[in-house]
């Protein structure tokens, strides 16, 4: 898995409309400023 800083950078750089994630990975996305959609 990528470090939290790398995930934050990739999401800021790609500027997604929303992020699809599972419950186990939502904790890594605390600094994300887009809607998070839990797939569980």
C-alpha atoms as a PDB file:
ATOM      1  CA  UNK A   1       0.000   0.000   0.000  1.00  0.00           C
ATOM      2  CA  UNK A   2       1.078   3.573  -0.537  1.00  0.00           C
ATOM      3  CA  UNK A   3       1.907   5.858   2.408  1.00  0.00           C
ATOM      4  CA  UNK A   4      -0.845   8.321   3.370  1.00  0.00           C
ATOM      5  CA  UNK A   5       1.182  11.298   2.063  1.00  0.00           C
ATOM      6  CA  UNK A   6       1.492   9.666  -1.364  1.00  0.00           C
ATOM      7  CA  UNK A   7      -2.238   8.906  -1.529  1.00  0.00           C
ATOM      8  CA  UNK A   8      -3.054  12.500  -0.590  1.00  0.00           C
ATOM      9  CA  UNK A   9      -0.690  13.812  -3.277  1.00  0.00           C
ATOM     10  CA  UNK A  10      -2.126  11.528  -5.980  1.00  0.00           C
ATOM     11  CA  UNK A  11      -5.684  12.558  -5.150  1.00  0.00           C
ATOM     12  CA  UNK A  12      -4.825  16.271  -5.112  1.00  0.00           C
ATOM     13  CA  UNK A  13      -2.956  15.949  -8.405  1.00  0.00           C
ATOM     14  CA  UNK A  14      -5.710  14.001 -10.186  1.00  0.00           C
ATOM     15  CA  UNK A  15      -8.579  16.126  -8.789  1.00  0.00           C
ATOM     16  CA  UNK A  16     -11.254  13.388  -8.764  1.00  0.00           C
ATOM     17  CA  UNK A  17     -14.945  14.191  -8.370  1.00  0.00           C
ATOM     18  CA  UNK A  18     -15.290  11.462  -5.730  1.00  0.00           C
ATOM     19  CA  UNK A  19     -13.297   8.574  -4.311  1.00  0.00           C
ATOM     20  CA  UNK A  20     -14.612   5.013  -4.123  1.00  0.00           C
ATOM     21  CA  UNK A  21     -13.146   3.125  -1.168  1.00  0.00           C
ATOM     22  CA  UNK A  22     -13.692   0.181   1.109  1.00  0.00           C
ATOM     23  CA  UNK A  23     -14.131   0.538   4.854  1.00  0.00           C
ATOM     24  CA  UNK A  24     -10.601  -0.766   5.476  1.00  0.00           C
ATOM     25  CA  UNK A  25      -9.040   2.030   3.406  1.00  0.00           C
ATOM     26  CA  UNK A  26     -11.228   4.967   4.472  1.00  0.00           C
ATOM     27  CA  UNK A  27      -8.863   5.628   7.389  1.00  0.00           C
ATOM     28  CA  UNK A  28      -6.076   6.422   4.915  1.00  0.00           C
ATOM     29  CA  UNK A  29      -8.156   9.148   3.285  1.00  0.00           C
ATOM     30  CA  UNK A  30      -8.507  11.614   6.153  1.00  0.00           C
ATOM     31  CA  UNK A  31      -6.970  14.556   4.255  1.00  0.00           C
ATOM     32  CA  UNK A  32      -9.119  14.147   1.142  1.00  0.00           C
ATOM     33  CA  UNK A  33     -11.353  17.090   0.245  1.00  0.00           C
ATOM     34  CA  UNK A  34     -13.682  15.204  -2.115  1.00  0.00           C
ATOM     35  CA  UNK A  35     -16.672  13.005  -1.282  1.00  0.00           C
ATOM     36  CA  UNK A  36     -15.782   9.495  -0.148  1.00  0.00           C
ATOM     37  CA  UNK A  37     -18.119   6.706  -1.217  1.00  0.00           C
ATOM     38  CA  UNK A  38     -17.960   3.598   0.958  1.00  0.00           C
ATOM     39  CA  UNK A  39     -18.395   0.469  -1.174  1.00  0.00           C
ATOM     40  CA  UNK A  40     -19.030  -1.868   1.787  1.00  0.00           C
END
